[in-house]
PDB file of N, CA and C in Angstrom:
ATOM      1  N   MET A   1     -21.246 -22.113  66.508  1.00  0.00           N
ATOM      2  CA  MET A   1     -20.733 -21.363  67.636  1.00  0.00           C
ATOM      3  C   MET A   1     -19.344 -20.838  67.275  1.00  0.00           C
ATOM      4  N   ARG A   2     -18.994 -19.751  67.918  1.00  0.00           N
ATOM      5  CA  ARG A   2     -17.676 -19.173  67.695  1.00  0.00           C
ATOM      6  C   ARG A   2     -17.148 -18.614  69.006  1.00  0.00           C
ATOM      7  N   ILE A   3     -15.861 -18.323  69.023  1.00  0.00           N
ATOM      8  CA  ILE A   3     -15.205 -17.773  70.206  1.00  0.00           C
ATOM      9  C   ILE A   3     -15.019 -16.274  70.015  1.00  0.00           C
ATOM     10  N   SER A   4     -15.306 -15.513  71.051  1.00  0.00           N
ATOM     11  CA  SER A   4     -15.066 -14.075  71.043  1.00  0.00           C
ATOM     12  C   SER A   4     -14.010 -13.758  72.099  1.00  0.00           C
ATOM     13  N   TYR A   5     -13.032 -12.940  71.708  1.00  0.00           N
ATOM     14  CA  TYR A   5     -11.982 -12.527  72.637  1.00  0.00           C
ATOM     15  C   TYR A   5     -12.183 -11.082  73.098  1.00  0.00           C
ATOM     16  N   ASN A   6     -13.394 -10.575  72.980  1.00  0.00           N
ATOM     17  CA  ASN A   6     -13.679  -9.196  73.408  1.00  0.00           C
ATOM     18  C   ASN A   6     -13.350  -8.978  74.881  1.00  0.00           C
ATOM     19  N   ARG A   7     -13.535 -10.002  75.684  1.00  0.00           N
ATOM     20  CA  ARG A   7     -13.212  -9.876  77.113  1.00  0.00           C
ATOM     21  C   ARG A   7     -11.719  -9.633  77.321  1.00  0.00           C
ATOM     22  N   LEU A   8     -10.889 -10.229  76.473  1.00  0.00           N
ATOM     23  CA  LEU A   8      -9.443 -10.001  76.553  1.00  0.00           C
ATOM     24  C   LEU A   8      -9.133  -8.541  76.273  1.00  0.00           C
ATOM     25  N   TRP A   9      -9.729  -7.989  75.228  1.00  0.00           N
ATOM     26  CA  TRP A   9      -9.446  -6.587  74.869  1.00  0.00           C
ATOM     27  C   TRP A   9      -9.932  -5.643  75.957  1.00  0.00           C
ATOM     28  N   LYS A  10     -11.069  -5.948  76.565  1.00  0.00           N
ATOM     29  CA  LYS A  10     -11.568  -5.129  77.682  1.00  0.00           C
ATOM     30  C   LYS A  10     -10.632  -5.230  78.893  1.00  0.00           C
ATOM     31  N   LEU A  11     -10.111  -6.434  79.142  1.00  0.00           N
ATOM     32  CA  LEU A  11      -9.187  -6.629  80.261  1.00  0.00           C
ATOM     33  C   LEU A  11      -7.898  -5.838  80.043  1.00  0.00           C
ATOM     34  N   LEU A  12      -7.410  -5.830  78.794  1.00  0.00           N
ATOM     35  CA  LEU A  12      -6.211  -5.048  78.492  1.00  0.00           C
ATOM     36  C   LEU A  12      -6.456  -3.564  78.750  1.00  0.00           C
ATOM     37  N   ILE A  13      -7.618  -3.079  78.366  1.00  0.00           N
ATOM     38  CA  ILE A  13      -7.961  -1.668  78.608  1.00  0.00           C
ATOM     39  C   ILE A  13      -8.000  -1.394  80.108  1.00  0.00           C
ATOM     40  N   ASP A  14      -8.634  -2.293  80.860  1.00  0.00           N
ATOM     41  CA  ASP A  14      -8.727  -2.117  82.314  1.00  0.00           C
ATOM     42  C   ASP A  14      -7.348  -2.096  82.976  1.00  0.00           C
ATOM     43  N   LYS A  15      -6.405  -2.854  82.417  1.00  0.00           N
ATOM     44  CA  LYS A  15      -5.061  -2.927  82.981  1.00  0.00           C
ATOM     45  C   LYS A  15      -4.112  -1.926  82.319  1.00  0.00           C
ATOM     46  N   SER A  16      -4.656  -1.068  81.452  1.00  0.00           N
ATOM     47  CA  SER A  16      -3.858  -0.062  80.725  1.00  0.00           C
ATOM     48  C   SER A  16      -2.706  -0.696  79.950  1.00  0.00           C
ATOM     49  N   LEU A  17      -3.003  -1.795  79.275  1.00  0.00           N
ATOM     50  CA  LEU A  17      -2.009  -2.496  78.472  1.00  0.00           C
ATOM     51  C   LEU A  17      -2.367  -2.410  76.993  1.00  0.00           C
ATOM     52  N   LYS A  18      -1.355  -2.467  76.157  1.00  0.00           N
ATOM     53  CA  LYS A  18      -1.548  -2.502  74.715  1.00  0.00           C
ATOM     54  C   LYS A  18      -1.204  -3.894  74.206  1.00  0.00           C
ATOM     55  N   LYS A  19      -1.494  -4.156  72.942  1.00  0.00           N
ATOM     56  CA  LYS A  19      -1.210  -5.470  72.381  1.00  0.00           C
ATOM     57  C   LYS A  19       0.278  -5.807  72.460  1.00  0.00           C
ATOM     58  N   LYS A  20       1.131  -4.815  72.272  1.00  0.00           N
ATOM     59  CA  LYS A  20       2.580  -5.062  72.390  1.00  0.00           C
ATOM     60  C   LYS A  20       2.946  -5.471  73.812  1.00  0.00           C
ATOM     61  N   ASP A  21       2.284  -4.856  74.796  1.00  0.00           N
ATOM     62  CA  ASP A  21       2.513  -5.233  76.194  1.00  0.00           C
ATOM     63  C   ASP A  21       2.076  -6.677  76.426  1.00  0.00           C
ATOM     64  N   LEU A  22       0.944  -7.050  75.826  1.00  0.00           N
ATOM     65  CA  LEU A  22       0.432  -8.413  75.939  1.00  0.00           C
ATOM     66  C   LEU A  22       1.451  -9.404  75.380  1.00  0.00           C
ATOM     67  N   MET A  23       2.021  -9.091  74.208  1.00  0.00           N
ATOM     68  CA  MET A  23       2.994  -9.973  73.586  1.00  0.00           C
ATOM     69  C   MET A  23       4.222 -10.160  74.477  1.00  0.00           C
ATOM     70  N   LYS A  24       4.710  -9.074  75.048  1.00  0.00           N
ATOM     71  CA  LYS A  24       5.914  -9.141  75.880  1.00  0.00           C
ATOM     72  C   LYS A  24       5.643  -9.838  77.211  1.00  0.00           C
ATOM     73  N   LYS A  25       4.562  -9.433  77.867  1.00  0.00           N
ATOM     74  CA  LYS A  25       4.250  -9.954  79.201  1.00  0.00           C
ATOM     75  C   LYS A  25       3.895 -11.442  79.163  1.00  0.00           C
ATOM     76  N   CYS A  26       3.205 -11.865  78.108  1.00  0.00           N
ATOM     77  CA  CYS A  26       2.717 -13.243  78.032  1.00  0.00           C
ATOM     78  C   CYS A  26       3.557 -14.129  77.114  1.00  0.00           C
ATOM     79  N   ARG A  27       4.602 -13.549  76.518  1.00  0.00           N
ATOM     80  CA  ARG A  27       5.491 -14.298  75.636  1.00  0.00           C
ATOM     81  C   ARG A  27       4.737 -14.960  74.488  1.00  0.00           C
ATOM     82  N   ILE A  28       3.933 -14.161  73.783  1.00  0.00           N
ATOM     83  CA  ILE A  28       3.219 -14.678  72.614  1.00  0.00           C
ATOM     84  C   ILE A  28       3.632 -13.875  71.380  1.00  0.00           C
ATOM     85  N   SER A  29       3.478 -14.469  70.223  1.00  0.00           N
ATOM     86  CA  SER A  29       3.927 -13.847  68.984  1.00  0.00           C
ATOM     87  C   SER A  29       2.890 -12.866  68.432  1.00  0.00           C
ATOM     88  N   SER A  30       3.352 -12.043  67.506  1.00  0.00           N
ATOM     89  CA  SER A  30       2.436 -11.112  66.846  1.00  0.00           C
ATOM     90  C   SER A  30       1.425 -11.880  66.000  1.00  0.00           C
ATOM     91  N   ALA A  31       1.807 -13.048  65.487  1.00  0.00           N
ATOM     92  CA  ALA A  31       0.872 -13.884  64.724  1.00  0.00           C
ATOM     93  C   ALA A  31      -0.274 -14.366  65.621  1.00  0.00           C
ATOM     94  N   SER A  32       0.045 -14.718  66.862  1.00  0.00           N
ATOM     95  CA  SER A  32      -1.006 -15.152  67.801  1.00  0.00           C
ATOM     96  C   SER A  32      -1.941 -14.000  68.129  1.00  0.00           C
ATOM     97  N   VAL A  33      -1.394 -12.812  68.314  1.00  0.00           N
ATOM     98  CA  VAL A  33      -2.231 -11.639  68.592  1.00  0.00           C
ATOM     99  C   VAL A  33      -3.126 -11.338  67.391  1.00  0.00           C
ATOM    100  N   ALA A  34      -2.586 -11.500  66.190  1.00  0.00           N
ATOM    101  CA  ALA A  34      -3.388 -11.285  64.984  1.00  0.00           C
ATOM    102  C   ALA A  34      -4.543 -12.275  64.917  1.00  0.00           C
ATOM    103  N   LYS A  35      -4.285 -13.536  65.264  1.00  0.00           N
ATOM    104  CA  LYS A  35      -5.351 -14.541  65.283  1.00  0.00           C
ATOM    105  C   LYS A  35      -6.413 -14.184  66.314  1.00  0.00           C
ATOM    106  N   LEU A  36      -5.979 -13.738  67.482  1.00  0.00           N
ATOM    107  CA  LEU A  36      -6.928 -13.332  68.521  1.00  0.00           C
ATOM    108  C   LEU A  36      -7.777 -12.157  68.037  1.00  0.00           C
ATOM    109  N   THR A  37      -7.155 -11.220  67.361  1.00  0.00           N
ATOM    110  CA  THR A  37      -7.868 -10.042  66.865  1.00  0.00           C
ATOM    111  C   THR A  37      -8.949 -10.439  65.861  1.00  0.00           C
ATOM    112  N   ARG A  38      -8.637 -11.429  65.022  1.00  0.00           N
ATOM    113  CA  ARG A  38      -9.605 -11.887  64.014  1.00  0.00           C
ATOM    114  C   ARG A  38     -10.624 -12.879  64.582  1.00  0.00           C
ATOM    115  N   GLY A  39     -10.389 -13.350  65.811  1.00  0.00           N
ATOM    116  CA  GLY A  39     -11.284 -14.342  66.400  1.00  0.00           C
ATOM    117  C   GLY A  39     -11.027 -15.738  65.876  1.00  0.00           C
ATOM    118  N   ASP A  40      -9.821 -15.958  65.344  1.00  0.00           N
ATOM    119  CA  ASP A  40      -9.456 -17.279  64.832  1.00  0.00           C
ATOM    120  C   ASP A  40      -9.132 -18.226  65.980  1.00  0.00           C
ATOM    121  N   ASN A  41      -9.002 -19.513  65.630  1.00  0.00           N
ATOM    122  CA  ASN A  41      -8.613 -20.511  66.630  1.00  0.00           C
ATOM    123  C   ASN A  41      -7.173 -20.276  67.074  1.00  0.00           C
ATOM    124  N   ILE A  42      -6.933 -20.522  68.344  1.00  0.00           N
ATOM    125  CA  ILE A  42      -5.618 -20.326  68.942  1.00  0.00           C
ATOM    126  C   ILE A  42      -5.336 -21.525  69.846  1.00  0.00           C
ATOM    127  N   THR A  43      -4.078 -21.867  70.040  1.00  0.00           N
ATOM    128  CA  THR A  43      -3.761 -23.048  70.852  1.00  0.00           C
ATOM    129  C   THR A  43      -4.026 -22.776  72.332  1.00  0.00           C
ATOM    130  N   THR A  44      -4.265 -23.850  73.052  1.00  0.00           N
ATOM    131  CA  THR A  44      -4.484 -23.706  74.493  1.00  0.00           C
ATOM    132  C   THR A  44      -3.206 -23.249  75.181  1.00  0.00           C
ATOM    133  N   ASP A  45      -2.051 -23.560  74.606  1.00  0.00           N
ATOM    134  CA  ASP A  45      -0.781 -23.095  75.163  1.00  0.00           C
ATOM    135  C   ASP A  45      -0.745 -21.567  75.201  1.00  0.00           C
ATOM    136  N   VAL A  46      -1.168 -20.940  74.123  1.00  0.00           N
ATOM    137  CA  VAL A  46      -1.196 -19.468  74.064  1.00  0.00           C
ATOM    138  C   VAL A  46      -2.210 -18.926  75.067  1.00  0.00           C
ATOM    139  N   LEU A  47      -3.363 -19.558  75.146  1.00  0.00           N
ATOM    140  CA  LEU A  47      -4.388 -19.116  76.099  1.00  0.00           C
ATOM    141  C   LEU A  47      -3.868 -19.232  77.537  1.00  0.00           C
ATOM    142  N   LEU A  48      -3.158 -20.310  77.842  1.00  0.00           N
ATOM    143  CA  LEU A  48      -2.590 -20.479  79.182  1.00  0.00           C
ATOM    144  C   LEU A  48      -1.542 -19.410  79.487  1.00  0.00           C
ATOM    145  N   ARG A  49      -0.712 -19.089  78.508  1.00  0.00           N
ATOM    146  CA  ARG A  49       0.288 -18.034  78.708  1.00  0.00           C
ATOM    147  C   ARG A  49      -0.380 -16.698  79.004  1.00  0.00           C
ATOM    148  N   ILE A  50      -1.466 -16.413  78.290  1.00  0.00           N
ATOM    149  CA  ILE A  50      -2.192 -15.163  78.529  1.00  0.00           C
ATOM    150  C   ILE A  50      -2.771 -15.153  79.940  1.00  0.00           C
ATOM    151  N   CYS A  51      -3.396 -16.253  80.327  1.00  0.00           N
ATOM    152  CA  CYS A  51      -3.987 -16.329  81.663  1.00  0.00           C
ATOM    153  C   CYS A  51      -2.926 -16.202  82.761  1.00  0.00           C
ATOM    154  N   GLU A  52      -1.784 -16.823  82.566  1.00  0.00           N
ATOM    155  CA  GLU A  52      -0.701 -16.715  83.548  1.00  0.00           C
ATOM    156  C   GLU A  52      -0.149 -15.300  83.591  1.00  0.00           C
ATOM    157  N   GLY A  53       0.065 -14.711  82.425  1.00  0.00           N
ATOM    158  CA  GLY A  53       0.637 -13.369  82.355  1.00  0.00           C
ATOM    159  C   GLY A  53      -0.265 -12.291  82.902  1.00  0.00           C
ATOM    160  N   LEU A  54      -1.573 -12.465  82.711  1.00  0.00           N
ATOM    161  CA  LEU A  54      -2.530 -11.459  83.168  1.00  0.00           C
ATOM    162  C   LEU A  54      -3.199 -11.845  84.485  1.00  0.00           C
ATOM    163  N   ASP A  55      -2.817 -13.000  85.036  1.00  0.00           N
ATOM    164  CA  ASP A  55      -3.378 -13.504  86.292  1.00  0.00           C
ATOM    165  C   ASP A  55      -4.905 -13.547  86.217  1.00  0.00           C
ATOM    166  N   CYS A  56      -5.386 -14.335  85.251  1.00  0.00           N
ATOM    167  CA  CYS A  56      -6.837 -14.441  85.055  1.00  0.00           C
ATOM    168  C   CYS A  56      -7.190 -15.868  84.638  1.00  0.00           C
ATOM    169  N   ASP A  57      -8.449 -16.093  84.316  1.00  0.00           N
ATOM    170  CA  ASP A  57      -8.968 -17.390  83.928  1.00  0.00           C
ATOM    171  C   ASP A  57      -9.473 -17.308  82.484  1.00  0.00           C
ATOM    172  N   PHE A  58      -9.701 -18.467  81.858  1.00  0.00           N
ATOM    173  CA  PHE A  58     -10.210 -18.486  80.485  1.00  0.00           C
ATOM    174  C   PHE A  58     -11.466 -17.631  80.327  1.00  0.00           C
ATOM    175  N   ALA A  59     -12.370 -17.725  81.279  1.00  0.00           N
ATOM    176  CA  ALA A  59     -13.634 -16.980  81.187  1.00  0.00           C
ATOM    177  C   ALA A  59     -13.419 -15.468  81.228  1.00  0.00           C
ATOM    178  N   ASP A  60     -12.264 -15.038  81.726  1.00  0.00           N
ATOM    179  CA  ASP A  60     -11.964 -13.605  81.775  1.00  0.00           C
ATOM    180  C   ASP A  60     -11.498 -13.064  80.428  1.00  0.00           C
ATOM    181  N   ILE A  61     -11.084 -13.950  79.511  1.00  0.00           N
ATOM    182  CA  ILE A  61     -10.528 -13.478  78.245  1.00  0.00           C
ATOM    183  C   ILE A  61     -11.313 -13.930  77.018  1.00  0.00           C
ATOM    184  N   MET A  62     -12.234 -14.862  77.174  1.00  0.00           N
ATOM    185  CA  MET A  62     -12.969 -15.367  76.015  1.00  0.00           C
ATOM    186  C   MET A  62     -14.369 -15.813  76.406  1.00  0.00           C
ATOM    187  N   GLN A  63     -15.223 -15.898  75.390  1.00  0.00           N
ATOM    188  CA  GLN A  63     -16.559 -16.425  75.618  1.00  0.00           C
ATOM    189  C   GLN A  63     -17.055 -17.088  74.342  1.00  0.00           C
ATOM    190  N   ILE A  64     -17.990 -18.004  74.497  1.00  0.00           N
ATOM    191  CA  ILE A  64     -18.584 -18.693  73.356  1.00  0.00           C
ATOM    192  C   ILE A  64     -19.828 -17.929  72.922  1.00  0.00           C
ATOM    193  N   ILE A  65     -19.881 -17.640  71.628  1.00  0.00           N
ATOM    194  CA  ILE A  65     -21.031 -16.936  71.059  1.00  0.00           C
ATOM    195  C   ILE A  65     -21.808 -17.943  70.213  1.00  0.00           C
ATOM    196  N   PRO A  66     -23.057 -18.236  70.586  1.00  0.00           N
ATOM    197  CA  PRO A  66     -23.835 -19.189  69.789  1.00  0.00           C
ATOM    198  C   PRO A  66     -24.216 -18.585  68.437  1.00  0.00           C
ATOM    199  N   ASP A  67     -24.345 -19.455  67.442  1.00  0.00           N
ATOM    200  CA  ASP A  67     -24.805 -19.007  66.130  1.00  0.00           C
ATOM    201  C   ASP A  67     -26.252 -18.555  66.240  1.00  0.00           C
ATOM    202  N   GLU A  68     -26.574 -17.532  65.474  1.00  0.00           N
ATOM    203  CA  GLU A  68     -27.963 -17.076  65.464  1.00  0.00           C
ATOM    204  C   GLU A  68     -28.782 -18.026  64.611  1.00  0.00           C
ATOM    205  N   GLU A  69     -29.919 -18.410  65.145  1.00  0.00           N
ATOM    206  CA  GLU A  69     -30.783 -19.292  64.393  1.00  0.00           C
ATOM    207  C   GLU A  69     -31.638 -18.453  63.467  1.00  0.00           C
ATOM    208  N   PRO A  70     -31.778 -18.881  62.211  1.00  0.00           N
ATOM    209  CA  PRO A  70     -32.604 -18.109  61.274  1.00  0.00           C
ATOM    210  C   PRO A  70     -34.063 -18.126  61.713  1.00  0.00           C
ATOM    211  N   GLU A  71     -34.719 -17.007  61.490  1.00  0.00           N
ATOM    212  CA  GLU A  71     -36.135 -16.933  61.864  1.00  0.00           C
ATOM    213  C   GLU A  71     -36.951 -17.808  60.925  1.00  0.00           C
ATOM    214  N   GLU A  72     -37.924 -18.481  61.514  1.00  0.00           N
ATOM    215  CA  GLU A  72     -38.799 -19.324  60.692  1.00  0.00           C
ATOM    216  C   GLU A  72     -39.891 -18.461  60.090  1.00  0.00           C
ATOM    217  N   LYS A  73     -40.174 -18.693  58.821  1.00  0.00           N
ATOM    218  CA  LYS A  73     -41.222 -17.935  58.149  1.00  0.00           C
ATOM    219  C   LYS A  73     -42.556 -18.604  58.405  1.00  0.00           C
ATOM    220  N   GLU A  74     -43.554 -17.780  58.645  1.00  0.00           N
ATOM    221  CA  GLU A  74     -44.888 -18.307  58.844  1.00  0.00           C
ATOM    222  C   GLU A  74     -45.495 -18.628  57.498  1.00  0.00           C
ATOM    223  N   VAL A  75     -46.236 -19.736  57.450  1.00  0.00           N
ATOM    224  CA  VAL A  75     -46.871 -20.155  56.195  1.00  0.00           C
ATOM    225  C   VAL A  75     -48.311 -19.751  56.189  1.00  0.00           C
TER     226      VAL A  75
END
């Protein structure tokens, strides 16, 4: 399983915000934004700052994507 932050990027578009606005409004570093962009792990502290700054919940900015199961070959 992995985390997707696509909901965060959609929320920024809906609020007419850019990544620089996100950094300023939520007091997060450019390194944290880079991690979010790559879908890397991020601390819950950063996630809480984003939720507070954008007045939203975790589910509004991220989602869990299950791994695709390989197809079984018929014998």
